[in-house]
Protein backbone atom coordinates (compact mmCIF):
# COMPACT_ATOMS: atom_id res chain seq x y z
CA UNK A 1 90.34 9.41 -13.17
CA UNK A 2 87.34 7.56 -14.32
CA UNK A 3 83.63 9.10 -14.14
CA UNK A 4 81.72 6.30 -13.31
CA UNK A 5 81.21 3.72 -11.12
CA UNK A 6 82.44 -0.17 -11.76
CA UNK A 7 79.80 -2.13 -12.24
CA UNK A 8 79.11 -6.22 -11.57
CA UNK A 9 76.94 -9.15 -12.47
CA UNK A 10 74.99 -9.76 -9.38
CA UNK A 11 71.96 -11.94 -8.40
CA UNK A 12 69.34 -9.99 -7.40
CA UNK A 13 66.47 -11.79 -5.36
CA UNK A 14 62.67 -11.03 -4.48
CA UNK A 15 61.58 -10.72 -1.35
CA UNK A 16 57.69 -11.04 -1.90
CA UNK A 17 58.29 -14.75 -3.92
CA UNK A 18 61.79 -15.83 -3.81
CA UNK A 19 62.35 -15.24 -7.28
CA UNK A 20 66.35 -14.51 -8.61
CA UNK A 21 67.24 -12.50 -11.53
CA UNK A 22 70.39 -11.40 -12.93
CA UNK A 23 71.31 -7.33 -13.20
CA UNK A 24 74.28 -5.25 -13.46
CA UNK A 25 74.68 -2.89 -10.35
CA UNK A 26 77.14 -1.14 -8.64
CA UNK A 27 75.96 -3.08 -5.10
CA UNK A 28 77.73 -6.46 -4.56
CA UNK A 29 73.85 -8.32 -4.01
CA UNK A 30 70.69 -6.63 -3.05
CA UNK A 31 66.93 -7.72 -2.82
CA UNK A 32 63.93 -6.08 -4.46
CA UNK A 33 60.37 -5.80 -2.51
CA UNK A 34 58.39 -6.83 -5.85
CA UNK A 35 59.56 -8.03 -8.80
CA UNK A 36 57.66 -8.46 -12.36
CA UNK A 37 56.91 -12.35 -11.44
CA UNK A 38 54.17 -11.28 -8.66
CA UNK A 39 53.60 -7.47 -9.40
CA UNK A 40 49.91 -7.45 -9.72
CA UNK A 41 50.26 -5.03 -12.89
CA UNK A 42 52.56 -7.68 -14.76
CA UNK A 43 50.40 -11.12 -13.74
CA UNK A 44 46.85 -9.35 -13.41
CA UNK A 45 46.35 -11.02 -10.05
CA UNK A 46 45.00 -9.19 -7.06
CA UNK A 47 46.38 -9.90 -3.85
CA UNK A 48 44.00 -9.76 -1.11
CA UNK A 49 45.84 -8.92 2.42
CA UNK A 50 44.80 -11.01 4.95
CA UNK A 51 45.48 -7.98 8.18
CA UNK A 52 43.93 -4.57 7.66
CA UNK A 53 44.94 -1.65 7.00
CA UNK A 54 45.30 1.94 8.44
CA UNK A 55 41.55 3.19 7.34
CA UNK A 56 39.96 -0.31 8.27
CA UNK A 57 41.29 0.12 12.04
CA UNK A 58 40.21 3.75 11.76
CA UNK A 59 36.55 2.70 11.11
CA UNK A 60 36.35 -0.06 13.51
CA UNK A 61 37.31 2.80 16.18
CA UNK A 62 35.41 5.05 15.07
CA UNK A 63 32.26 2.52 14.98
CA UNK A 64 32.95 1.41 18.40
CA UNK A 65 32.82 5.22 19.25
CA UNK A 66 29.63 5.89 17.93
CA UNK A 67 28.20 2.98 19.89
CA UNK A 68 29.37 4.15 23.04
């Protein structure tokens, strides 16, 4: 009886930029959200988000409520 699961060489793909890389995993294939090729901490480039977040939407509702 073995104590460790079998690992396979698999190709992982980044969901953000589409970069693929080879790694070992117990899964047959998988996707990662952010890789070292597109993560701001590794690239030094900060991306701006086009859509507002929850805080921006809250502040907009608050501003509308204050004028009403």
